[in-house]
Structures are given as structure tokens and as C-alpha cells.
PDB file of all heavy atoms in Angstrom:
ATOM      1  N   PRO A   1     211.887 -19.708 -51.207  1.00  0.00           N
ATOM      2  CA  PRO A   1     211.355 -19.101 -52.434  1.00  0.00           C
ATOM      3  C   PRO A   1     210.021 -18.375 -52.184  1.00  0.00           C
ATOM      4  O   PRO A   1     209.220 -18.799 -51.336  1.00  0.00           O
ATOM      5  CB  PRO A   1     211.156 -20.286 -53.367  1.00  0.00           C
ATOM      6  CG  PRO A   1     212.046 -21.357 -52.834  1.00  0.00           C
ATOM      7  CD  PRO A   1     212.118 -21.142 -51.352  1.00  0.00           C
ATOM      8  N   ALA A   2     209.798 -17.301 -52.923  1.00  0.00           N
ATOM      9  CA  ALA A   2     208.625 -16.446 -52.729  1.00  0.00           C
ATOM     10  C   ALA A   2     207.313 -17.214 -52.802  1.00  0.00           C
ATOM     11  O   ALA A   2     206.407 -16.986 -51.997  1.00  0.00           O
ATOM     12  CB  ALA A   2     208.640 -15.309 -53.743  1.00  0.00           C
ATOM     13  N   ASP A   3     207.176 -18.138 -53.754  1.00  0.00           N
ATOM     14  CA  ASP A   3     205.917 -18.879 -53.876  1.00  0.00           C
ATOM     15  C   ASP A   3     205.668 -19.767 -52.660  1.00  0.00           C
ATOM     16  O   ASP A   3     204.532 -19.928 -52.219  1.00  0.00           O
ATOM     17  CB  ASP A   3     205.881 -19.692 -55.172  1.00  0.00           C
ATOM     18  CG  ASP A   3     207.015 -20.699 -55.282  1.00  0.00           C
ATOM     19  OD1 ASP A   3     208.125 -20.435 -54.776  1.00  0.00           O
ATOM     20  OD2 ASP A   3     206.787 -21.770 -55.887  1.00  0.00           O
ATOM     21  N   LYS A   4     206.705 -20.302 -52.078  1.00  0.00           N
ATOM     22  CA  LYS A   4     206.564 -21.129 -50.877  1.00  0.00           C
ATOM     23  C   LYS A   4     206.217 -20.259 -49.669  1.00  0.00           C
ATOM     24  O   LYS A   4     205.425 -20.664 -48.814  1.00  0.00           O
ATOM     25  CB  LYS A   4     207.847 -21.919 -50.634  1.00  0.00           C
ATOM     26  CG  LYS A   4     207.747 -22.890 -49.500  1.00  0.00           C
ATOM     27  CD  LYS A   4     206.768 -23.997 -49.806  1.00  0.00           C
ATOM     28  CE  LYS A   4     206.802 -25.039 -48.698  1.00  0.00           C
ATOM     29  NZ  LYS A   4     205.796 -26.067 -48.889  1.00  0.00           N
ATOM     30  N   LEU A   5     206.769 -19.036 -49.602  1.00  0.00           N
ATOM     31  CA  LEU A   5     206.443 -18.115 -48.516  1.00  0.00           C
ATOM     32  C   LEU A   5     204.963 -17.765 -48.514  1.00  0.00           C
ATOM     33  O   LEU A   5     204.337 -17.693 -47.458  1.00  0.00           O
ATOM     34  CB  LEU A   5     207.265 -16.832 -48.618  1.00  0.00           C
ATOM     35  CG  LEU A   5     208.681 -16.885 -48.073  1.00  0.00           C
ATOM     36  CD1 LEU A   5     209.404 -15.573 -48.354  1.00  0.00           C
ATOM     37  CD2 LEU A   5     208.692 -17.209 -46.599  1.00  0.00           C
ATOM     38  N   VAL A   6     204.403 -17.560 -49.695  1.00  0.00           N
ATOM     39  CA  VAL A   6     202.972 -17.270 -49.804  1.00  0.00           C
ATOM     40  C   VAL A   6     202.174 -18.432 -49.222  1.00  0.00           C
ATOM     41  O   VAL A   6     201.238 -18.237 -48.448  1.00  0.00           O
ATOM     42  CB  VAL A   6     202.568 -17.002 -51.273  1.00  0.00           C
ATOM     43  CG1 VAL A   6     201.062 -16.942 -51.420  1.00  0.00           C
ATOM     44  CG2 VAL A   6     203.213 -15.720 -51.761  1.00  0.00           C
ATOM     45  N   GLU A   7     202.565 -19.632 -49.550  1.00  0.00           N
ATOM     46  CA  GLU A   7     201.895 -20.825 -49.044  1.00  0.00           C
ATOM     47  C   GLU A   7     202.033 -20.931 -47.515  1.00  0.00           C
ATOM     48  O   GLU A   7     201.063 -21.253 -46.821  1.00  0.00           O
ATOM     49  CB  GLU A   7     202.503 -22.056 -49.710  1.00  0.00           C
ATOM     50  CG  GLU A   7     201.892 -23.367 -49.311  1.00  0.00           C
ATOM     51  CD  GLU A   7     202.586 -24.543 -49.976  1.00  0.00           C
ATOM     52  OE1 GLU A   7     202.991 -24.423 -51.158  1.00  0.00           O
ATOM     53  OE2 GLU A   7     202.728 -25.582 -49.317  1.00  0.00           O
ATOM     54  N   LEU A   8     203.224 -20.650 -46.997  1.00  0.00           N
ATOM     55  CA  LEU A   8     203.468 -20.772 -45.564  1.00  0.00           C
ATOM     56  C   LEU A   8     202.708 -19.737 -44.741  1.00  0.00           C
ATOM     57  O   LEU A   8     202.306 -20.004 -43.613  1.00  0.00           O
ATOM     58  CB  LEU A   8     204.965 -20.635 -45.266  1.00  0.00           C
ATOM     59  CG  LEU A   8     205.844 -21.801 -45.690  1.00  0.00           C
ATOM     60  CD1 LEU A   8     207.310 -21.445 -45.526  1.00  0.00           C
ATOM     61  CD2 LEU A   8     205.502 -23.047 -44.886  1.00  0.00           C
ATOM     62  N   THR A   9     202.496 -18.544 -45.278  1.00  0.00           N
ATOM     63  CA  THR A   9     201.816 -17.495 -44.522  1.00  0.00           C
ATOM     64  C   THR A   9     200.322 -17.410 -44.820  1.00  0.00           C
ATOM     65  O   THR A   9     199.613 -16.691 -44.124  1.00  0.00           O
ATOM     66  CB  THR A   9     202.465 -16.126 -44.790  1.00  0.00           C
ATOM     67  OG1 THR A   9     202.425 -15.840 -46.186  1.00  0.00           O
ATOM     68  CG2 THR A   9     203.898 -16.090 -44.295  1.00  0.00           C
ATOM     69  N   ALA A  10     199.836 -18.145 -45.785  1.00  0.00           N
ATOM     70  CA  ALA A  10     198.423 -18.062 -46.164  1.00  0.00           C
ATOM     71  C   ALA A  10     197.500 -18.458 -45.017  1.00  0.00           C
ATOM     72  O   ALA A  10     196.460 -17.848 -44.821  1.00  0.00           O
ATOM     73  CB  ALA A  10     198.156 -18.925 -47.389  1.00  0.00           C
ATOM     74  N   GLY A  11     197.855 -19.448 -44.232  1.00  0.00           N
ATOM     75  CA  GLY A  11     196.986 -19.909 -43.158  1.00  0.00           C
ATOM     76  C   GLY A  11     197.283 -19.283 -41.819  1.00  0.00           C
ATOM     77  O   GLY A  11     196.566 -19.492 -40.859  1.00  0.00           O
ATOM     78  N   ASP A  12     198.332 -18.508 -41.727  1.00  0.00           N
ATOM     79  CA  ASP A  12     198.707 -17.899 -40.459  1.00  0.00           C
ATOM     80  C   ASP A  12     197.700 -16.847 -40.039  1.00  0.00           C
ATOM     81  O   ASP A  12     197.175 -16.116 -40.868  1.00  0.00           O
ATOM     82  CB  ASP A  12     200.080 -17.227 -40.563  1.00  0.00           C
ATOM     83  CG  ASP A  12     201.214 -18.219 -40.700  1.00  0.00           C
ATOM     84  OD1 ASP A  12     200.980 -19.427 -40.643  1.00  0.00           O
ATOM     85  OD2 ASP A  12     202.349 -17.767 -40.855  1.00  0.00           O
ATOM     86  N   THR A  13     197.458 -16.754 -38.759  1.00  0.00           N
ATOM     87  CA  THR A  13     196.541 -15.751 -38.241  1.00  0.00           C
ATOM     88  C   THR A  13     196.928 -14.342 -38.679  1.00  0.00           C
ATOM     89  O   THR A  13     196.108 -13.629 -39.223  1.00  0.00           O
ATOM     90  CB  THR A  13     196.450 -15.853 -36.709  1.00  0.00           C
ATOM     91  OG1 THR A  13     196.017 -17.183 -36.389  1.00  0.00           O
ATOM     92  CG2 THR A  13     195.484 -14.859 -36.135  1.00  0.00           C
ATOM     93  N   PRO A  14     198.200 -13.916 -38.474  1.00  0.00           N
ATOM     94  CA  PRO A  14     198.554 -12.560 -38.907  1.00  0.00           C
ATOM     95  C   PRO A  14     198.928 -12.476 -40.389  1.00  0.00           C
ATOM     96  O   PRO A  14     199.059 -11.386 -40.922  1.00  0.00           O
ATOM     97  CB  PRO A  14     199.753 -12.201 -38.035  1.00  0.00           C
ATOM     98  CG  PRO A  14     200.401 -13.504 -37.747  1.00  0.00           C
ATOM     99  CD  PRO A  14     199.270 -14.502 -37.675  1.00  0.00           C
ATOM    100  N   GLY A  15     199.134 -13.619 -41.047  1.00  0.00           N
ATOM    101  CA  GLY A  15     199.504 -13.611 -42.455  1.00  0.00           C
ATOM    102  C   GLY A  15     200.926 -13.166 -42.726  1.00  0.00           C
ATOM    103  O   GLY A  15     201.251 -12.754 -43.830  1.00  0.00           O
ATOM    104  N   ARG A  16     201.780 -13.226 -41.717  1.00  0.00           N
ATOM    105  CA  ARG A  16     203.178 -12.807 -41.870  1.00  0.00           C
ATOM    106  C   ARG A  16     204.015 -13.470 -40.784  1.00  0.00           C
ATOM    107  O   ARG A  16     203.482 -13.999 -39.819  1.00  0.00           O
ATOM    108  CB  ARG A  16     203.316 -11.296 -41.735  1.00  0.00           C
ATOM    109  CG  ARG A  16     202.933 -10.776 -40.348  1.00  0.00           C
ATOM    110  CD  ARG A  16     203.144  -9.283 -40.208  1.00  0.00           C
ATOM    111  NE  ARG A  16     202.748  -8.783 -38.908  1.00  0.00           N
ATOM    112  CZ  ARG A  16     203.510  -8.788 -37.820  1.00  0.00           C
ATOM    113  NH1 ARG A  16     204.741  -9.289 -37.865  1.00  0.00           N
ATOM    114  NH2 ARG A  16     203.072  -8.298 -36.672  1.00  0.00           N
ATOM    115  N   PHE A  17     205.302 -13.418 -40.963  1.00  0.00           N
ATOM    116  CA  PHE A  17     206.216 -13.833 -39.903  1.00  0.00           C
ATOM    117  C   PHE A  17     206.439 -12.633 -38.993  1.00  0.00           C
ATOM    118  O   PHE A  17     206.402 -11.496 -39.437  1.00  0.00           O
ATOM    119  CB  PHE A  17     207.558 -14.293 -40.490  1.00  0.00           C
ATOM    120  CG  PHE A  17     207.450 -15.583 -41.244  1.00  0.00           C
ATOM    121  CD1 PHE A  17     207.313 -15.594 -42.623  1.00  0.00           C
ATOM    122  CD2 PHE A  17     207.482 -16.793 -40.573  1.00  0.00           C
ATOM    123  CE1 PHE A  17     207.209 -16.775 -43.326  1.00  0.00           C
ATOM    124  CE2 PHE A  17     207.379 -17.995 -41.266  1.00  0.00           C
ATOM    125  CZ  PHE A  17     207.248 -17.982 -42.639  1.00  0.00           C
ATOM    126  N   GLY A  18     206.671 -12.880 -37.731  1.00  0.00           N
ATOM    127  CA  GLY A  18     206.912 -11.800 -36.784  1.00  0.00           C
ATOM    128  C   GLY A  18     208.303 -11.216 -36.954  1.00  0.00           C
ATOM    129  O   GLY A  18     209.226 -11.897 -37.403  1.00  0.00           O
ATOM    130  N   ALA A  19     208.452  -9.971 -36.582  1.00  0.00           N
ATOM    131  CA  ALA A  19     209.770  -9.339 -36.568  1.00  0.00           C
ATOM    132  C   ALA A  19     210.542  -9.869 -35.361  1.00  0.00           C
ATOM    133  O   ALA A  19     209.946 -10.128 -34.313  1.00  0.00           O
ATOM    134  CB  ALA A  19     209.625  -7.821 -36.472  1.00  0.00           C
ATOM    135  N   PRO A  20     211.842 -10.046 -35.497  1.00  0.00           N
ATOM    136  CA  PRO A  20     212.627 -10.511 -34.342  1.00  0.00           C
ATOM    137  C   PRO A  20     212.393  -9.647 -33.094  1.00  0.00           C
ATOM    138  O   PRO A  20     212.355 -10.165 -31.980  1.00  0.00           O
ATOM    139  CB  PRO A  20     214.071 -10.417 -34.831  1.00  0.00           C
ATOM    140  CG  PRO A  20     213.967 -10.603 -36.313  1.00  0.00           C
ATOM    141  CD  PRO A  20     212.679  -9.911 -36.691  1.00  0.00           C
ATOM    142  N   GLU A  21     212.190  -8.357 -33.295  1.00  0.00           N
ATOM    143  CA  GLU A  21     211.952  -7.453 -32.171  1.00  0.00           C
ATOM    144  C   GLU A  21     210.679  -7.811 -31.409  1.00  0.00           C
ATOM    145  O   GLU A  21     210.538  -7.502 -30.224  1.00  0.00           O
ATOM    146  CB  GLU A  21     211.863  -5.999 -32.652  1.00  0.00           C
ATOM    147  CG  GLU A  21     213.133  -5.472 -33.269  1.00  0.00           C
ATOM    148  CD  GLU A  21     213.343  -5.908 -34.727  1.00  0.00           C
ATOM    149  OE1 GLU A  21     212.392  -6.389 -35.381  1.00  0.00           O
ATOM    150  OE2 GLU A  21     214.476  -5.763 -35.212  1.00  0.00           O
ATOM    151  N   GLU A  22     209.729  -8.456 -32.092  1.00  0.00           N
ATOM    152  CA  GLU A  22     208.476  -8.837 -31.446  1.00  0.00           C
ATOM    153  C   GLU A  22     208.662 -10.013 -30.479  1.00  0.00           C
ATOM    154  O   GLU A  22     207.760 -10.322 -29.709  1.00  0.00           O
ATOM    155  CB  GLU A  22     207.420  -9.176 -32.497  1.00  0.00           C
ATOM    156  CG  GLU A  22     206.991  -7.953 -33.290  1.00  0.00           C
ATOM    157  CD  GLU A  22     205.996  -8.275 -34.378  1.00  0.00           C
ATOM    158  OE1 GLU A  22     206.377  -8.916 -35.377  1.00  0.00           O
ATOM    159  OE2 GLU A  22     204.813  -7.894 -34.216  1.00  0.00           O
ATOM    160  N   MET A  23     209.804 -10.645 -30.497  1.00  0.00           N
ATOM    161  CA  MET A  23     210.094 -11.757 -29.590  1.00  0.00           C
ATOM    162  C   MET A  23     210.685 -11.248 -28.272  1.00  0.00           C
ATOM    163  O   MET A  23     210.685 -11.941 -27.263  1.00  0.00           O
ATOM    164  CB  MET A  23     211.092 -12.739 -30.224  1.00  0.00           C
ATOM    165  CG  MET A  23     210.737 -13.196 -31.641  1.00  0.00           C
ATOM    166  SD  MET A  23     209.148 -14.006 -31.765  1.00  0.00           S
ATOM    167  CE  MET A  23     208.412 -13.088 -33.110  1.00  0.00           C
ATOM    168  N   CYS A  24     211.173 -10.022 -28.278  1.00  0.00           N
ATOM    169  CA  CYS A  24     211.938  -9.477 -27.144  1.00  0.00           C
ATOM    170  C   CYS A  24     211.147  -9.414 -25.842  1.00  0.00           C
ATOM    171  O   CYS A  24     211.691  -9.705 -24.772  1.00  0.00           O
ATOM    172  CB  CYS A  24     212.477  -8.097 -27.482  1.00  0.00           C
ATOM    173  SG  CYS A  24     213.705  -8.138 -28.803  1.00  0.00           S
ATOM    174  N   ALA A  25     209.905  -9.018 -25.878  1.00  0.00           N
ATOM    175  CA  ALA A  25     209.125  -8.885 -24.645  1.00  0.00           C
ATOM    176  C   ALA A  25     208.967 -10.238 -23.953  1.00  0.00           C
ATOM    177  O   ALA A  25     209.068 -10.327 -22.719  1.00  0.00           O
ATOM    178  CB  ALA A  25     207.760  -8.270 -24.933  1.00  0.00           C
ATOM    179  N   ALA A  26     208.736 -11.291 -24.728  1.00  0.00           N
ATOM    180  CA  ALA A  26     208.593 -12.626 -24.136  1.00  0.00           C
ATOM    181  C   ALA A  26     209.901 -13.083 -23.510  1.00  0.00           C
ATOM    182  O   ALA A  26     209.919 -13.616 -22.393  1.00  0.00           O
ATOM    183  CB  ALA A  26     208.130 -13.625 -25.194  1.00  0.00           C
ATOM    184  N   VAL A  27     210.996 -12.879 -24.214  1.00  0.00           N
ATOM    185  CA  VAL A  27     212.310 -13.253 -23.681  1.00  0.00           C
ATOM    186  C   VAL A  27     212.610 -12.422 -22.429  1.00  0.00           C
ATOM    187  O   VAL A  27     213.072 -12.958 -21.412  1.00  0.00           O
ATOM    188  CB  VAL A  27     213.413 -13.066 -24.741  1.00  0.00           C
ATOM    189  CG1 VAL A  27     214.788 -13.274 -24.139  1.00  0.00           C
ATOM    190  CG2 VAL A  27     213.186 -14.011 -25.914  1.00  0.00           C
ATOM    191  N   GLY A  28     212.328 -11.136 -22.493  1.00  0.00           N
ATOM    192  CA  GLY A  28     212.556 -10.260 -21.346  1.00  0.00           C
ATOM    193  C   GLY A  28     211.774 -10.704 -20.122  1.00  0.00           C
ATOM    194  O   GLY A  28     212.289 -10.714 -19.005  1.00  0.00           O
ATOM    195  N   PHE A  29     210.511 -11.079 -20.333  1.00  0.00           N
ATOM    196  CA  PHE A  29     209.705 -11.553 -19.211  1.00  0.00           C
ATOM    197  C   PHE A  29     210.290 -12.831 -18.621  1.00  0.00           C
ATOM    198  O   PHE A  29     210.468 -12.936 -17.405  1.00  0.00           O
ATOM    199  CB  PHE A  29     208.253 -11.800 -19.627  1.00  0.00           C
ATOM    200  CG  PHE A  29     207.475 -12.521 -18.558  1.00  0.00           C
ATOM    201  CD1 PHE A  29     207.147 -11.877 -17.374  1.00  0.00           C
ATOM    202  CD2 PHE A  29     207.093 -13.839 -18.732  1.00  0.00           C
ATOM    203  CE1 PHE A  29     206.453 -12.546 -16.367  1.00  0.00           C
ATOM    204  CE2 PHE A  29     206.400 -14.510 -17.736  1.00  0.00           C
ATOM    205  CZ  PHE A  29     206.077 -13.867 -16.551  1.00  0.00           C
ATOM    206  N   LEU A  30     210.591 -13.804 -19.470  1.00  0.00           N
ATOM    207  CA  LEU A  30     211.107 -15.072 -18.968  1.00  0.00           C
ATOM    208  C   LEU A  30     212.458 -14.914 -18.268  1.00  0.00           C
ATOM    209  O   LEU A  30     212.795 -15.707 -17.380  1.00  0.00           O
ATOM    210  CB  LEU A  30     211.204 -16.098 -20.095  1.00  0.00           C
ATOM    211  CG  LEU A  30     209.863 -16.593 -20.641  1.00  0.00           C
ATOM    212  CD1 LEU A  30     210.080 -17.515 -21.830  1.00  0.00           C
ATOM    213  CD2 LEU A  30     209.044 -17.279 -19.561  1.00  0.00           C
ATOM    214  N   ALA A  31     213.217 -13.893 -18.625  1.00  0.00           N
ATOM    215  CA  ALA A  31     214.513 -13.648 -17.993  1.00  0.00           C
ATOM    216  C   ALA A  31     214.406 -12.765 -16.748  1.00  0.00           C
ATOM    217  O   ALA A  31     215.395 -12.589 -16.043  1.00  0.00           O
ATOM    218  CB  ALA A  31     215.457 -13.001 -18.998  1.00  0.00           C
ATOM    219  N   SER A  32     213.219 -12.253 -16.483  1.00  0.00           N
ATOM    220  CA  SER A  32     213.053 -11.302 -15.386  1.00  0.00           C
ATOM    221  C   SER A  32     212.764 -12.004 -14.059  1.00  0.00           C
ATOM    222  O   SER A  32     212.406 -13.176 -14.007  1.00  0.00           O
ATOM    223  CB  SER A  32     211.903 -10.337 -15.694  1.00  0.00           C
ATOM    224  OG  SER A  32     210.654 -11.010 -15.572  1.00  0.00           O
ATOM    225  N   GLU A  33     212.895 -11.226 -12.984  1.00  0.00           N
ATOM    226  CA  GLU A  33     212.555 -11.733 -11.659  1.00  0.00           C
ATOM    227  C   GLU A  33     211.073 -12.054 -11.541  1.00  0.00           C
ATOM    228  O   GLU A  33     210.686 -12.942 -10.777  1.00  0.00           O
ATOM    229  CB  GLU A  33     212.967 -10.723 -10.592  1.00  0.00           C
ATOM    230  CG  GLU A  33     214.466 -10.631 -10.413  1.00  0.00           C
ATOM    231  CD  GLU A  33     214.859  -9.726  -9.259  1.00  0.00           C
ATOM    232  OE1 GLU A  33     214.062  -9.576  -8.309  1.00  0.00           O
ATOM    233  OE2 GLU A  33     215.962  -9.171  -9.327  1.00  0.00           O
ATOM    234  N   GLU A  34     210.236 -11.340 -12.298  1.00  0.00           N
ATOM    235  CA  GLU A  34     208.794 -11.590 -12.259  1.00  0.00           C
ATOM    236  C   GLU A  34     208.442 -13.008 -12.708  1.00  0.00           C
ATOM    237  O   GLU A  34     207.409 -13.541 -12.343  1.00  0.00           O
ATOM    238  CB  GLU A  34     208.032 -10.573 -13.120  1.00  0.00           C
ATOM    239  CG  GLU A  34     207.964  -9.192 -12.506  1.00  0.00           C
ATOM    240  CD  GLU A  34     209.209  -8.361 -12.780  1.00  0.00           C
ATOM    241  OE1 GLU A  34     210.094  -8.787 -13.537  1.00  0.00           O
ATOM    242  OE2 GLU A  34     209.297  -7.267 -12.206  1.00  0.00           O
ATOM    243  N   ALA A  35     209.281 -13.615 -13.510  1.00  0.00           N
ATOM    244  CA  ALA A  35     209.047 -14.982 -13.980  1.00  0.00           C
ATOM    245  C   ALA A  35     209.840 -15.995 -13.158  1.00  0.00           C
ATOM    246  O   ALA A  35     210.024 -17.128 -13.576  1.00  0.00           O
ATOM    247  CB  ALA A  35     209.426 -15.090 -15.455  1.00  0.00           C
ATOM    248  N   GLY A  36     210.275 -15.594 -11.982  1.00  0.00           N
ATOM    249  CA  GLY A  36     211.103 -16.461 -11.150  1.00  0.00           C
ATOM    250  C   GLY A  36     210.447 -17.763 -10.754  1.00  0.00           C
ATOM    251  O   GLY A  36     211.127 -18.736 -10.431  1.00  0.00           O
ATOM    252  N   TYR A  37     209.128 -17.826 -10.763  1.00  0.00           N
ATOM    253  CA  TYR A  37     208.410 -19.049 -10.384  1.00  0.00           C
ATOM    254  C   TYR A  37     207.868 -19.785 -11.612  1.00  0.00           C
ATOM    255  O   TYR A  37     207.179 -20.783 -11.499  1.00  0.00           O
ATOM    256  CB  TYR A  37     207.278 -18.696  -9.417  1.00  0.00           C
ATOM    257  CG  TYR A  37     206.796 -19.860  -8.595  1.00  0.00           C
ATOM    258  CD1 TYR A  37     207.626 -20.474  -7.668  1.00  0.00           C
ATOM    259  CD2 TYR A  37     205.504 -20.352  -8.737  1.00  0.00           C
ATOM    260  CE1 TYR A  37     207.186 -21.549  -6.912  1.00  0.00           C
ATOM    261  CE2 TYR A  37     205.054 -21.421  -7.991  1.00  0.00           C
ATOM    262  CZ  TYR A  37     205.897 -22.015  -7.074  1.00  0.00           C
ATOM    263  OH  TYR A  37     205.457 -23.071  -6.325  1.00  0.00           O
ATOM    264  N   VAL A  38     208.185 -19.298 -12.793  1.00  0.00           N
ATOM    265  CA  VAL A  38     207.767 -19.923 -14.042  1.00  0.00           C
ATOM    266  C   VAL A  38     208.904 -20.803 -14.531  1.00  0.00           C
ATOM    267  O   VAL A  38     210.016 -20.320 -14.748  1.00  0.00           O
ATOM    268  CB  VAL A  38     207.427 -18.858 -15.117  1.00  0.00           C
ATOM    269  CG1 VAL A  38     207.057 -19.515 -16.427  1.00  0.00           C
ATOM    270  CG2 VAL A  38     206.325 -17.939 -14.638  1.00  0.00           C
ATOM    271  N   THR A  39     208.645 -22.076 -14.706  1.00  0.00           N
ATOM    272  CA  THR A  39     209.691 -22.962 -15.213  1.00  0.00           C
ATOM    273  C   THR A  39     209.079 -24.121 -15.988  1.00  0.00           C
ATOM    274  O   THR A  39     207.945 -24.530 -15.741  1.00  0.00           O
ATOM    275  CB  THR A  39     210.614 -23.482 -14.080  1.00  0.00           C
ATOM    276  OG1 THR A  39     211.751 -24.121 -14.666  1.00  0.00           O
ATOM    277  CG2 THR A  39     209.896 -24.448 -13.164  1.00  0.00           C
ATOM    278  N   GLY A  40     209.829 -24.592 -16.959  1.00  0.00           N
ATOM    279  CA  GLY A  40     209.413 -25.750 -17.739  1.00  0.00           C
ATOM    280  C   GLY A  40     208.405 -25.452 -18.832  1.00  0.00           C
ATOM    281  O   GLY A  40     207.669 -26.342 -19.256  1.00  0.00           O
ATOM    282  N   ILE A  41     208.362 -24.233 -19.307  1.00  0.00           N
ATOM    283  CA  ILE A  41     207.390 -23.903 -20.356  1.00  0.00           C
ATOM    284  C   ILE A  41     208.076 -23.584 -21.677  1.00  0.00           C
ATOM    285  O   ILE A  41     209.229 -23.188 -21.718  1.00  0.00           O
ATOM    286  CB  ILE A  41     206.485 -22.708 -19.973  1.00  0.00           C
ATOM    287  CG1 ILE A  41     207.289 -21.416 -19.833  1.00  0.00           C
ATOM    288  CG2 ILE A  41     205.705 -22.989 -18.712  1.00  0.00           C
ATOM    289  CD1 ILE A  41     206.500 -20.196 -20.171  1.00  0.00           C
ATOM    290  N   VAL A  42     207.328 -23.781 -22.739  1.00  0.00           N
ATOM    291  CA  VAL A  42     207.702 -23.286 -24.063  1.00  0.00           C
ATOM    292  C   VAL A  42     206.597 -22.305 -24.432  1.00  0.00           C
ATOM    293  O   VAL A  42     205.439 -22.701 -24.598  1.00  0.00           O
ATOM    294  CB  VAL A  42     207.821 -24.424 -25.098  1.00  0.00           C
ATOM    295  CG1 VAL A  42     208.114 -23.861 -26.470  1.00  0.00           C
ATOM    296  CG2 VAL A  42     208.875 -25.433 -24.673  1.00  0.00           C
ATOM    297  N   LEU A  43     206.947 -21.047 -24.531  1.00  0.00           N
ATOM    298  CA  LEU A  43     205.980 -19.990 -24.793  1.00  0.00           C
ATOM    299  C   LEU A  43     205.903 -19.704 -26.283  1.00  0.00           C
ATOM    300  O   LEU A  43     206.890 -19.241 -26.881  1.00  0.00           O
ATOM    301  CB  LEU A  43     206.399 -18.722 -24.032  1.00  0.00           C
ATOM    302  CG  LEU A  43     205.538 -17.482 -24.201  1.00  0.00           C
ATOM    303  CD1 LEU A  43     204.125 -17.731 -23.699  1.00  0.00           C
ATOM    304  CD2 LEU A  43     206.167 -16.314 -23.465  1.00  0.00           C
TER     305      LEU A  43
END
């Protein structure tokens, strides 16, 4: 509900939820060869 969304985003640094597209770079990095030595993290 809209009133609950206002409450949920009021304390957030950006004041909004991220777009799904904004998650792509992180997923792309973790799936890339450059992250081949990165394991066991939650980003």
C-alpha cells in the first residue's frame, strides 16, 4: 500500500527503491572472469 511505501522509503538514503536495471552491473561483475577470485560474499 502507498502509505506503507512512504514509510519504507522515508529512511532510505536514496529515498526510493532501485530499478531492476541498477542491479545488472553488480550481477555482471560477479559473473565475470574479473571476479574469479571473489567468493562467499553477499554484495
